[in-house]
Amino acid sequence: MKSINVYALKEMMDSKEDFQLIDVREKSEYEAANLGGIHIPMGTIEANVDKIAKDKSVVVHCRSGKRSATVIDFLEKNHGFTNLYNLEGGILAWADDIDESMPRV
């Protein structure tokens, strides 16, 4: 599984790189703090596979990186995705290293 750290993600955002960011946390977590990505909760991934890009890089994240890794593993094995990156440490790493004002949810 490919991964990306928060510094590389911030660089992608700052340079306005064409990629998709997907947040697989629950609704309450997303509402409390998010990075502006598309919200597709982990439990709804199967029903929303058509919303995930196959023609550009896709960064998937959750709170710590575990749920997003599970989602990526599922998508790679069952839907043939090869363009997915797990955000190492998830939104907690973002709050620790990039934006300390962000709630740690």
Protein backbone atom coordinates (compact mmCIF):
# COMPACT_ATOMS: atom_id res chain seq x y z
CA MET A 1 0.00 0.00 0.00
CA LYS A 2 1.29 3.43 -0.94
CA SER A 3 1.28 6.19 1.63
CA ILE A 4 1.91 9.90 1.94
CA ASN A 5 2.82 12.03 4.93
CA VAL A 6 1.14 15.27 6.00
CA TYR A 7 4.00 17.44 4.69
CA ALA A 8 3.66 15.97 1.19
CA LEU A 9 -0.12 16.41 1.34
CA LYS A 10 0.26 20.05 2.37
CA GLU A 11 2.65 20.58 -0.54
CA MET A 12 0.12 19.02 -2.93
CA MET A 13 -2.58 21.33 -1.57
CA ASP A 14 -0.41 24.44 -1.66
CA SER A 15 0.68 23.77 -5.24
CA LYS A 16 -2.95 23.12 -6.24
CA GLU A 17 -2.03 19.69 -7.60
CA ASP A 18 -4.91 17.84 -9.24
CA PHE A 19 -5.77 15.06 -6.79
CA GLN A 20 -8.74 13.82 -4.82
CA LEU A 21 -8.87 13.82 -1.01
CA ILE A 22 -11.30 11.45 0.68
CA ASP A 23 -12.18 11.46 4.39
CA VAL A 24 -13.56 8.10 5.57
CA ARG A 25 -14.34 9.13 9.17
CA GLU A 26 -17.85 9.31 10.59
CA LYS A 27 -20.09 12.36 10.06
CA SER A 28 -19.52 13.79 13.55
CA GLU A 29 -15.74 13.54 13.14
CA TYR A 30 -15.87 15.21 9.73
CA GLU A 31 -18.08 18.02 11.03
CA ALA A 32 -15.75 18.69 13.98
CA ALA A 33 -12.62 19.01 11.81
CA ASN A 34 -11.78 18.23 8.21
CA LEU A 35 -9.24 18.94 5.49
CA GLY A 36 -11.82 19.86 2.86
CA GLY A 37 -11.93 16.49 1.18
CA ILE A 38 -14.90 14.51 -0.02
CA HIS A 39 -16.68 12.83 2.88
CA ILE A 40 -17.36 9.14 2.24
CA PRO A 41 -17.68 7.32 5.59
CA MET A 42 -15.95 3.94 5.71
CA GLY A 43 -19.24 2.08 5.98
CA THR A 44 -20.50 3.61 2.73
CA ILE A 45 -17.43 3.05 0.53
CA GLU A 46 -18.93 0.12 -1.39
CA ALA A 47 -21.98 2.19 -2.35
CA ASN A 48 -19.82 5.15 -3.40
CA VAL A 49 -17.00 3.52 -5.39
CA ASP A 50 -18.13 5.48 -8.45
CA LYS A 51 -17.23 8.76 -6.67
CA ILE A 52 -13.56 7.76 -6.33
CA ALA A 53 -11.29 8.90 -9.15
CA LYS A 54 -9.25 6.35 -11.08
CA ASP A 55 -7.51 8.88 -13.33
CA LYS A 56 -5.54 10.86 -10.71
CA SER A 57 -3.96 10.41 -7.29
CA VAL A 58 -6.40 9.85 -4.44
CA VAL A 59 -5.36 10.48 -0.83
CA VAL A 60 -7.56 8.66 1.67
CA HIS A 61 -7.52 9.61 5.34
CA CYS A 62 -9.18 9.01 8.66
CA ARG A 63 -8.26 9.88 12.25
CA SER A 64 -5.02 7.90 12.55
CA GLY A 65 -4.55 6.01 9.29
CA LYS A 66 -6.03 2.64 10.25
CA ARG A 67 -9.53 2.95 8.77
CA SER A 68 -8.19 4.55 5.61
CA ALA A 69 -5.70 1.68 5.22
CA THR A 70 -8.58 -0.79 5.51
CA VAL A 71 -10.56 1.13 2.89
CA ILE A 72 -7.59 1.26 0.52
CA ASP A 73 -6.94 -2.46 0.94
CA PHE A 74 -10.60 -3.19 0.11
CA LEU A 75 -10.62 -0.90 -2.95
CA GLU A 76 -7.37 -2.29 -4.32
CA LYS A 77 -8.40 -5.93 -3.87
CA ASN A 78 -12.04 -5.63 -4.95
CA HIS A 79 -12.12 -2.75 -7.43
CA GLY A 80 -8.64 -2.67 -8.96
CA PHE A 81 -7.56 0.78 -7.75
CA THR A 82 -3.85 1.51 -8.15
CA ASN A 83 -3.82 5.26 -7.48
CA LEU A 84 -4.64 5.36 -3.75
CA TYR A 85 -2.42 6.79 -0.99
CA ASN A 86 -2.98 6.43 2.74
CA LEU A 87 -2.33 9.56 4.82
CA GLU A 88 0.17 8.46 7.46
CA GLY A 89 -1.12 9.35 10.92
CA GLY A 90 -4.38 10.74 9.55
CA ILE A 91 -5.91 13.95 10.78
CA LEU A 92 -4.11 13.55 14.12
CA ALA A 93 -0.76 13.93 12.34
CA TRP A 94 -2.13 16.95 10.46
CA ALA A 95 -3.18 18.55 13.77
CA ASP A 96 0.19 17.76 15.34
CA ASP A 97 2.48 18.80 12.48
CA ILE A 98 0.61 21.22 10.18
CA ASP A 99 -2.29 22.95 11.98
CA GLU A 100 -2.11 22.84 15.76
CA SER A 101 -5.39 24.75 16.02
CA MET A 102 -7.30 21.87 14.42
CA PRO A 103 -9.38 19.76 16.83
CA ARG A 104 -7.93 16.28 17.32
CA VAL A 105 -10.98 14.21 16.37
